[in-house]
Protein backbone atom coordinates (compact mmCIF):
# COMPACT_ATOMS: atom_id res chain seq x y z
CA MET A 1 -42.21 -30.37 -59.80
CA VAL A 2 -44.01 -30.63 -62.97
CA GLU A 3 -45.40 -27.14 -62.73
CA PHE A 4 -41.92 -25.88 -63.44
CA GLY A 5 -42.43 -26.69 -67.03
CA LEU A 6 -45.38 -24.43 -67.26
CA PHE A 7 -43.55 -21.19 -66.40
CA VAL A 8 -43.27 -19.84 -69.97
CA ASP A 9 -47.09 -19.67 -70.03
CA THR A 10 -47.62 -18.12 -66.53
CA LYS A 11 -44.75 -15.74 -65.75
CA ILE A 12 -45.95 -12.16 -65.52
CA ASP A 13 -43.43 -9.96 -63.72
CA TRP A 14 -40.18 -11.89 -63.68
CA ASP A 15 -38.75 -10.18 -66.79
CA ALA A 16 -39.85 -6.77 -65.58
CA TYR A 17 -38.24 -7.54 -62.12
CA MET A 18 -35.06 -8.48 -63.82
CA SER A 19 -35.08 -5.26 -65.87
CA GLN A 20 -35.57 -3.12 -62.96
CA VAL A 21 -32.85 -4.93 -61.00
CA ASN A 22 -30.41 -4.42 -64.12
CA GLY A 23 -31.10 -0.64 -63.83
CA PHE A 24 -30.22 -0.69 -60.23
CA ILE A 25 -27.02 -2.75 -60.47
CA GLU A 26 -25.88 -0.40 -63.37
CA GLY A 27 -26.17 2.61 -60.93
CA GLU A 28 -29.35 3.96 -61.65
CA ARG A 29 -30.86 5.59 -58.50
CA ASP A 30 -33.61 7.73 -59.92
CA TYR A 31 -36.89 5.76 -59.61
CA SER A 32 -38.53 7.45 -62.42
CA ASN A 33 -35.91 5.99 -64.77
CA MET A 34 -36.15 2.53 -63.42
CA LYS A 35 -38.59 0.61 -65.54
CA GLY A 36 -39.37 -2.94 -66.72
CA ASP A 37 -41.76 -4.58 -69.38
CA THR A 38 -44.85 -3.96 -67.24
CA GLY A 39 -44.02 -0.33 -66.46
CA PRO A 40 -42.22 1.82 -63.87
CA LEU A 41 -40.75 0.40 -60.60
CA VAL A 42 -43.41 0.89 -57.93
CA TYR A 43 -41.80 -1.21 -55.14
CA PRO A 44 -39.70 0.07 -52.18
CA ALA A 45 -35.98 -0.53 -51.86
CA GLY A 46 -36.19 -3.93 -50.16
CA PHE A 47 -37.57 -5.37 -53.33
CA LEU A 48 -34.47 -4.31 -55.29
CA TYR A 49 -32.16 -5.74 -52.70
CA ILE A 50 -33.81 -9.04 -52.54
CA TYR A 51 -34.26 -9.58 -56.27
CA THR A 52 -30.63 -8.41 -56.85
CA ALA A 53 -29.59 -11.18 -54.57
CA ILE A 54 -31.67 -13.66 -56.44
CA GLN A 55 -30.40 -12.50 -59.80
CA TYR A 56 -26.85 -12.88 -58.47
CA VAL A 57 -27.58 -16.44 -57.34
CA THR A 58 -29.45 -17.52 -60.35
CA GLY A 59 -27.96 -15.51 -63.09
CA GLY A 60 -31.60 -14.48 -63.93
CA GLU A 61 -32.64 -17.93 -64.92
CA VAL A 62 -35.96 -19.05 -64.07
CA TYR A 63 -35.59 -22.67 -62.81
CA PRO A 64 -33.06 -21.98 -60.09
CA ALA A 65 -35.30 -19.17 -58.85
CA GLN A 66 -38.17 -21.52 -58.77
CA ILE A 67 -36.20 -23.73 -56.52
CA ILE A 68 -35.59 -20.72 -54.23
CA PHE A 69 -39.28 -19.75 -54.24
CA GLY A 70 -40.13 -23.40 -53.51
CA PHE A 71 -38.04 -23.17 -50.30
CA LEU A 72 -39.51 -20.02 -49.45
CA TYR A 73 -43.01 -21.36 -49.77
CA ILE A 74 -42.11 -24.11 -47.12
CA VAL A 75 -40.66 -21.48 -44.71
CA ASN A 76 -43.66 -19.34 -45.07
CA LEU A 77 -45.89 -22.39 -44.56
CA GLY A 78 -43.90 -23.36 -41.49
CA ILE A 79 -44.21 -19.84 -40.02
CA VAL A 80 -47.90 -19.88 -40.52
CA LEU A 81 -48.47 -23.42 -39.00
CA PHE A 82 -46.42 -22.17 -36.01
CA ILE A 83 -48.74 -19.17 -35.67
CA TYR A 84 -51.83 -21.29 -36.04
CA VAL A 85 -50.59 -23.81 -33.45
CA LYS A 86 -49.84 -20.96 -30.91
CA THR A 87 -53.31 -19.57 -31.28
CA ASP A 88 -54.78 -22.93 -30.79
CA VAL A 89 -58.07 -22.01 -32.87
CA LEU A 90 -58.19 -24.72 -35.47
CA PRO A 91 -58.44 -28.48 -35.01
CA TRP A 92 -55.20 -30.22 -36.04
CA TRP A 93 -56.82 -31.63 -39.45
CA ALA A 94 -57.82 -28.07 -40.71
CA LEU A 95 -54.27 -27.04 -40.65
CA ALA A 96 -54.02 -28.98 -43.96
CA LEU A 97 -56.21 -26.39 -45.64
CA LEU A 98 -53.06 -24.04 -45.41
CA SER A 99 -51.24 -26.20 -47.96
CA LEU A 100 -54.21 -26.91 -50.44
CA SER A 101 -54.28 -23.54 -52.27
CA LYS A 102 -53.42 -23.94 -56.06
CA ARG A 103 -53.26 -20.18 -56.35
CA LEU A 104 -50.71 -19.74 -53.48
CA HIS A 105 -48.57 -22.45 -55.14
CA SER A 106 -48.80 -20.61 -58.28
CA ILE A 107 -47.87 -17.25 -56.70
CA PHE A 108 -44.71 -18.80 -55.19
CA VAL A 109 -43.26 -21.38 -57.50
CA LEU A 110 -44.68 -20.31 -60.96
CA ARG A 111 -44.95 -16.57 -60.92
CA LEU A 112 -42.24 -15.56 -58.46
CA PHE A 113 -44.08 -12.51 -57.27
CA ASN A 114 -42.59 -10.21 -54.65
CA ASP A 115 -45.74 -10.80 -52.60
CA CYS A 116 -43.92 -13.98 -51.69
CA PHE A 117 -41.18 -12.22 -49.73
CA ALA A 118 -43.52 -9.50 -48.47
CA MET A 119 -46.01 -11.97 -46.78
CA THR A 120 -43.30 -14.31 -45.33
CA LEU A 121 -41.74 -11.26 -43.73
CA PHE A 122 -45.23 -10.19 -42.59
CA HIS A 123 -46.09 -13.56 -41.10
CA ALA A 124 -42.56 -13.62 -39.56
CA SER A 125 -43.40 -10.43 -37.81
CA LEU A 126 -46.50 -11.98 -36.19
CA VAL A 127 -44.05 -14.52 -34.29
CA PRO A 128 -42.52 -11.94 -31.85
CA LEU A 129 -46.03 -10.33 -31.79
CA LEU A 130 -47.22 -13.50 -30.11
CA TYR A 131 -44.56 -13.22 -27.38
CA GLN A 132 -45.24 -9.28 -26.96
CA LYS A 133 -41.93 -8.55 -28.62
CA TRP A 134 -43.44 -5.34 -30.25
CA HIS A 135 -40.31 -3.70 -31.32
CA LEU A 136 -38.84 -6.66 -33.01
CA SER A 137 -42.28 -7.30 -34.62
CA LEU A 138 -42.37 -3.81 -35.98
CA ILE A 139 -38.98 -3.87 -37.42
CA ILE A 140 -39.72 -7.14 -39.37
CA PHE A 141 -43.03 -5.63 -40.44
CA SER A 142 -41.27 -2.60 -41.89
CA ALA A 143 -39.04 -4.84 -43.71
CA ALA A 144 -41.93 -6.55 -45.28
CA VAL A 145 -43.32 -3.03 -46.31
CA SER A 146 -40.03 -2.50 -47.96
CA VAL A 147 -40.71 -5.10 -50.46
CA LYS A 148 -44.22 -4.25 -51.24
CA MET A 149 -46.27 -1.25 -49.89
CA ASN A 150 -49.40 -3.28 -49.79
CA VAL A 151 -48.33 -4.71 -46.54
CA LEU A 152 -49.40 -1.50 -45.04
CA LEU A 153 -52.96 -2.56 -45.14
CA TYR A 154 -52.21 -4.64 -42.14
CA ALA A 155 -51.00 -1.40 -40.23
CA PRO A 156 -54.33 -0.34 -38.78
CA PRO A 157 -55.13 -3.50 -36.75
CA LEU A 158 -51.45 -3.76 -35.76
CA LEU A 159 -51.51 -0.26 -34.55
CA LEU A 160 -54.77 -1.12 -32.61
CA LEU A 161 -53.12 -4.04 -30.97
CA MET A 162 -49.92 -1.80 -30.11
CA LEU A 163 -52.30 0.69 -28.36
CA LYS A 164 -54.06 -1.98 -26.32
CA ALA A 165 -50.82 -3.60 -25.36
CA MET A 166 -48.47 -0.73 -24.74
CA ASP A 167 -48.25 2.74 -23.42
CA ILE A 168 -47.89 5.67 -25.71
CA ILE A 169 -44.13 5.83 -25.24
CA GLY A 170 -43.74 2.20 -26.20
CA VAL A 171 -45.92 2.68 -29.27
CA ILE A 172 -43.88 5.73 -30.45
CA SER A 173 -40.69 3.99 -29.89
CA ALA A 174 -41.79 0.91 -31.87
CA LEU A 175 -42.90 3.06 -34.78
CA ALA A 176 -39.66 5.02 -34.68
CA GLY A 177 -37.71 1.63 -35.02
CA ALA A 178 -39.91 0.80 -38.11
CA ALA A 179 -39.32 4.19 -39.67
CA VAL A 180 -35.59 3.82 -39.09
CA VAL A 181 -35.68 0.69 -41.15
CA GLN A 182 -37.45 2.44 -44.02
CA ILE A 183 -34.74 5.24 -43.87
CA VAL A 184 -31.72 2.86 -43.84
CA LEU A 185 -32.99 0.66 -46.59
CA GLY A 186 -34.13 3.61 -48.77
CA LEU A 187 -31.08 5.72 -48.25
CA PRO A 188 -29.30 5.23 -51.55
CA PHE A 189 -32.36 6.61 -53.22
CA LEU A 190 -33.40 9.02 -50.47
CA TRP A 191 -30.07 10.64 -50.67
CA SER A 192 -30.04 11.17 -54.52
CA TYR A 193 -33.74 11.41 -55.50
CA PRO A 194 -36.00 11.55 -52.60
CA ILE A 195 -39.13 12.81 -54.14
CA GLU A 196 -38.96 10.27 -57.11
CA TYR A 197 -38.44 7.41 -54.62
CA LEU A 198 -41.13 8.35 -52.28
CA SER A 199 -43.58 9.13 -54.97
CA LYS A 200 -42.90 6.00 -56.88
CA ALA A 201 -42.31 3.41 -54.11
CA PHE A 202 -45.11 4.59 -51.91
CA ASN A 203 -47.67 5.98 -54.38
CA LEU A 204 -51.10 5.90 -52.64
CA GLY A 205 -52.76 7.17 -55.75
CA ARG A 206 -52.03 4.23 -58.11
CA VAL A 207 -54.84 3.15 -60.34
CA PHE A 208 -55.18 -0.61 -60.75
CA ILE A 209 -56.19 -2.22 -63.93
CA HIS A 210 -59.69 -3.35 -64.16
CA PHE A 211 -58.73 -6.64 -66.04
CA TRP A 212 -56.77 -7.96 -63.13
CA SER A 213 -59.45 -7.23 -60.43
CA VAL A 214 -60.84 -10.23 -58.74
CA ASN A 215 -62.87 -8.69 -56.00
CA PHE A 216 -64.63 -5.94 -58.03
CA LYS A 217 -64.97 -7.29 -61.57
CA PHE A 218 -68.76 -6.55 -61.57
CA VAL A 219 -68.04 -2.87 -60.98
CA PRO A 220 -67.94 -0.87 -64.50
CA GLU A 221 -64.41 0.04 -65.32
CA PRO A 222 -65.06 3.83 -65.52
CA ILE A 223 -66.21 3.52 -61.80
CA PHE A 224 -63.58 1.07 -60.82
CA VAL A 225 -60.70 3.54 -61.95
CA SER A 226 -62.33 6.55 -60.36
CA LYS A 227 -60.74 8.45 -57.35
CA GLU A 228 -64.30 8.33 -55.75
CA PHE A 229 -64.67 4.53 -55.73
CA ALA A 230 -61.06 4.47 -54.18
CA LEU A 231 -62.13 6.79 -51.58
CA ILE A 232 -65.37 4.87 -50.82
CA LEU A 233 -63.31 1.68 -50.52
CA LEU A 234 -60.73 3.28 -48.26
CA VAL A 235 -63.57 4.83 -45.94
CA ALA A 236 -65.32 1.40 -45.94
CA HIS A 237 -62.19 -0.34 -44.98
CA LEU A 238 -61.36 2.09 -42.15
CA GLY A 239 -64.82 2.23 -41.08
CA GLY A 240 -65.09 -1.57 -40.72
CA LEU A 241 -61.96 -1.61 -38.72
CA VAL A 242 -63.23 1.09 -36.34
CA ILE A 243 -66.65 -0.71 -35.92
CA PHE A 244 -65.04 -4.14 -35.34
CA ALA A 245 -62.37 -2.63 -33.05
CA HIS A 246 -64.96 -0.92 -30.99
CA TYR A 247 -67.55 -3.73 -30.67
CA ARG A 248 -65.69 -6.89 -31.29
CA TRP A 249 -62.19 -8.08 -30.87
CA CYS A 250 -61.00 -9.61 -34.10
CA LYS A 251 -57.48 -10.48 -35.42
CA TYR A 252 -58.45 -9.54 -38.83
CA PHE A 253 -54.88 -9.62 -40.24
CA CYS A 254 -54.78 -13.39 -39.69
CA SER A 255 -55.57 -15.65 -42.63
CA LEU A 256 -58.72 -17.32 -43.87
CA PRO A 257 -58.78 -20.37 -41.88
CA TYR A 258 -58.38 -18.72 -38.59
CA LEU A 259 -61.16 -16.23 -39.38
CA LEU A 260 -63.55 -18.99 -40.39
CA TRP A 261 -62.85 -21.00 -37.21
CA ARG A 262 -63.65 -17.71 -35.07
CA THR A 263 -67.23 -17.80 -36.64
CA PRO A 264 -69.91 -19.60 -35.01
CA TYR A 265 -70.56 -21.51 -38.35
CA PRO A 266 -70.78 -25.16 -38.57
CA THR A 267 -67.57 -26.79 -39.84
CA ILE A 268 -69.08 -27.89 -43.25
CA VAL A 269 -70.07 -24.18 -43.90
CA ARG A 270 -66.54 -23.07 -42.91
CA LEU A 271 -65.13 -25.73 -45.46
CA LEU A 272 -67.52 -24.53 -48.06
CA LEU A 273 -66.73 -20.86 -47.60
CA PHE A 274 -62.97 -21.65 -47.76
CA ALA A 275 -63.56 -23.67 -51.04
CA GLY A 276 -65.66 -20.80 -52.38
CA VAL A 277 -62.84 -18.44 -51.89
CA GLU A 278 -60.26 -20.60 -53.44
CA ILE A 279 -62.55 -21.33 -56.51
CA CYS A 280 -63.27 -17.74 -57.09
CA TRP A 281 -59.55 -16.59 -56.92
CA ASN A 282 -58.57 -19.40 -59.38
CA ILE A 283 -60.93 -18.25 -62.11
CA PHE A 284 -59.02 -16.49 -64.75
CA PRO A 285 -59.96 -14.07 -65.90
CA SER A 286 -62.24 -13.07 -63.21
CA THR A 287 -65.87 -12.67 -64.21
CA VAL A 288 -68.62 -10.57 -62.85
CA TYR A 289 -70.16 -13.68 -61.20
CA SER A 290 -67.01 -14.84 -59.61
CA SER A 291 -66.25 -11.39 -58.27
CA MET A 292 -69.75 -10.99 -56.96
CA THR A 293 -69.46 -14.52 -55.37
CA LEU A 294 -66.35 -13.62 -53.68
CA LEU A 295 -67.60 -10.48 -52.20
CA THR A 296 -70.64 -12.28 -50.91
CA ILE A 297 -68.42 -14.98 -49.22
CA HIS A 298 -66.49 -12.13 -47.50
CA VAL A 299 -69.57 -10.54 -46.38
CA ILE A 300 -70.71 -13.80 -44.84
CA ILE A 301 -67.48 -14.28 -42.98
CA LEU A 302 -67.70 -10.83 -41.67
CA CYS A 303 -71.17 -11.34 -40.47
CA GLY A 304 -69.95 -14.57 -38.82
CA LEU A 305 -66.94 -12.71 -37.13
CA TRP A 306 -69.57 -10.04 -35.99
CA MET A 307 -71.70 -12.80 -34.33
CA ALA A 308 -68.73 -14.41 -32.53
CA PRO A 309 -68.21 -13.84 -28.91
CA PRO A 310 -65.85 -10.86 -28.33
CA GLU A 311 -62.43 -11.15 -26.81
CA TYR A 312 -60.23 -8.72 -25.31
CA PRO A 313 -56.96 -10.61 -24.42
CA TYR A 314 -54.97 -7.53 -23.36
CA GLU A 315 -57.50 -6.23 -21.10
CA SER A 316 -57.85 -9.70 -19.38
CA ASP A 317 -54.00 -9.70 -19.09
CA LYS A 318 -54.00 -6.08 -17.36
CA SER A 319 -56.87 -7.29 -15.16
CA GLN A 320 -55.00 -10.30 -14.13
CA ALA A 321 -51.84 -8.22 -13.59
CA GLY A 322 -53.88 -6.05 -11.42
CA LYS A 323 -55.19 -8.87 -9.28
CA LYS A 324 -51.63 -10.26 -8.70
CA ALA A 325 -50.37 -6.80 -7.71
CA LYS A 326 -53.02 -6.79 -5.04
C-alpha cells in the first residue's frame, strides 16, 4: 500500500506505545512509572499484552506492524459486515460504505492505534450477543475494555439489553464473568501496585486536550477542560440513553450506517449525512465550523431515530414464547 510510506508524517502514539511496552518487559509493574513520549500509560493491562506481542513479532519496526494492522482491519471489517448482514437493515449496496472511510484506514494502517484492537474485540462481542450468548459476549466485551477504557461507553445500552433479555441472576453472573477477565488480566499489577493500576488504567477524571477535539472544538478551551462541562456531557449522555430506552428501542452502539438506515430519511439524505460525518472527521486540525457541523449532523440523526418506529424485540420474543407455552 502506498500509504505505508507516509507513516513518518502521521504516527502519533507508536513510539509511546513501544516505550511503555519496554518498561513492562523490563519488569516494571508500577503504572505511575510507566511512561512514553506522549505521557504516562493510561491503558489497562490488555493493551500491554497485545503490544508486547506485536513488538516481539515486529521487533518494534513500523512496516511489519502495519501489515499486522492491515490484516486486523480486514478481520474487523469482516465481523462488522457479518453483523450487518445478520441485522438485515441495510441494502446490499450500502454495505460498501463500511469500507470507504479514509479516517478508519488511517487509524488502522497508518497510526496503529490501540482503538483498532479495542473496537475489533468490541465488534466481536456483538456476534455472540446476536445469538443470545450473553456470558461469552460479556467476556469478549471485557477483553475490549482491557485494551482501552473508552469501550465502557457502550456499557449502558449493553446493560439495558441484558436486563431486557435475562433475569437478574443471569445479568449478575454475566457481569461477574466480565469482572473475572479484568482481574485475571490485571493481576500482575493489582498484586503489586493496585492503586496505581486502577487510578491510571481506569482514570475517569482524565482531561482531554482541546486541540484534539473533533466534536466540541467550538467550545472555548477553559470551558472544555472544566469538570462542569464534563459533568454536563455525562448527564446529557446518560439522560439521552434513558429517554431513548424508555420511549424508543434503539441499538445505539451499532455504527453509523445502521443508525442512518433506522431513520425515516430518504436514502439520499442518509448518504449526505454519512458523507458529512466523514468529511468533518477528516478535517485536521478540526475547526469551530467542522465541529459545529458534526454536532448538527449527530442531532439530525438522533431526531431521525426518535421519529423511527419503536421496536421491542425481546418483549416480542417473550410474548411469542408465552403463546407457545399456552
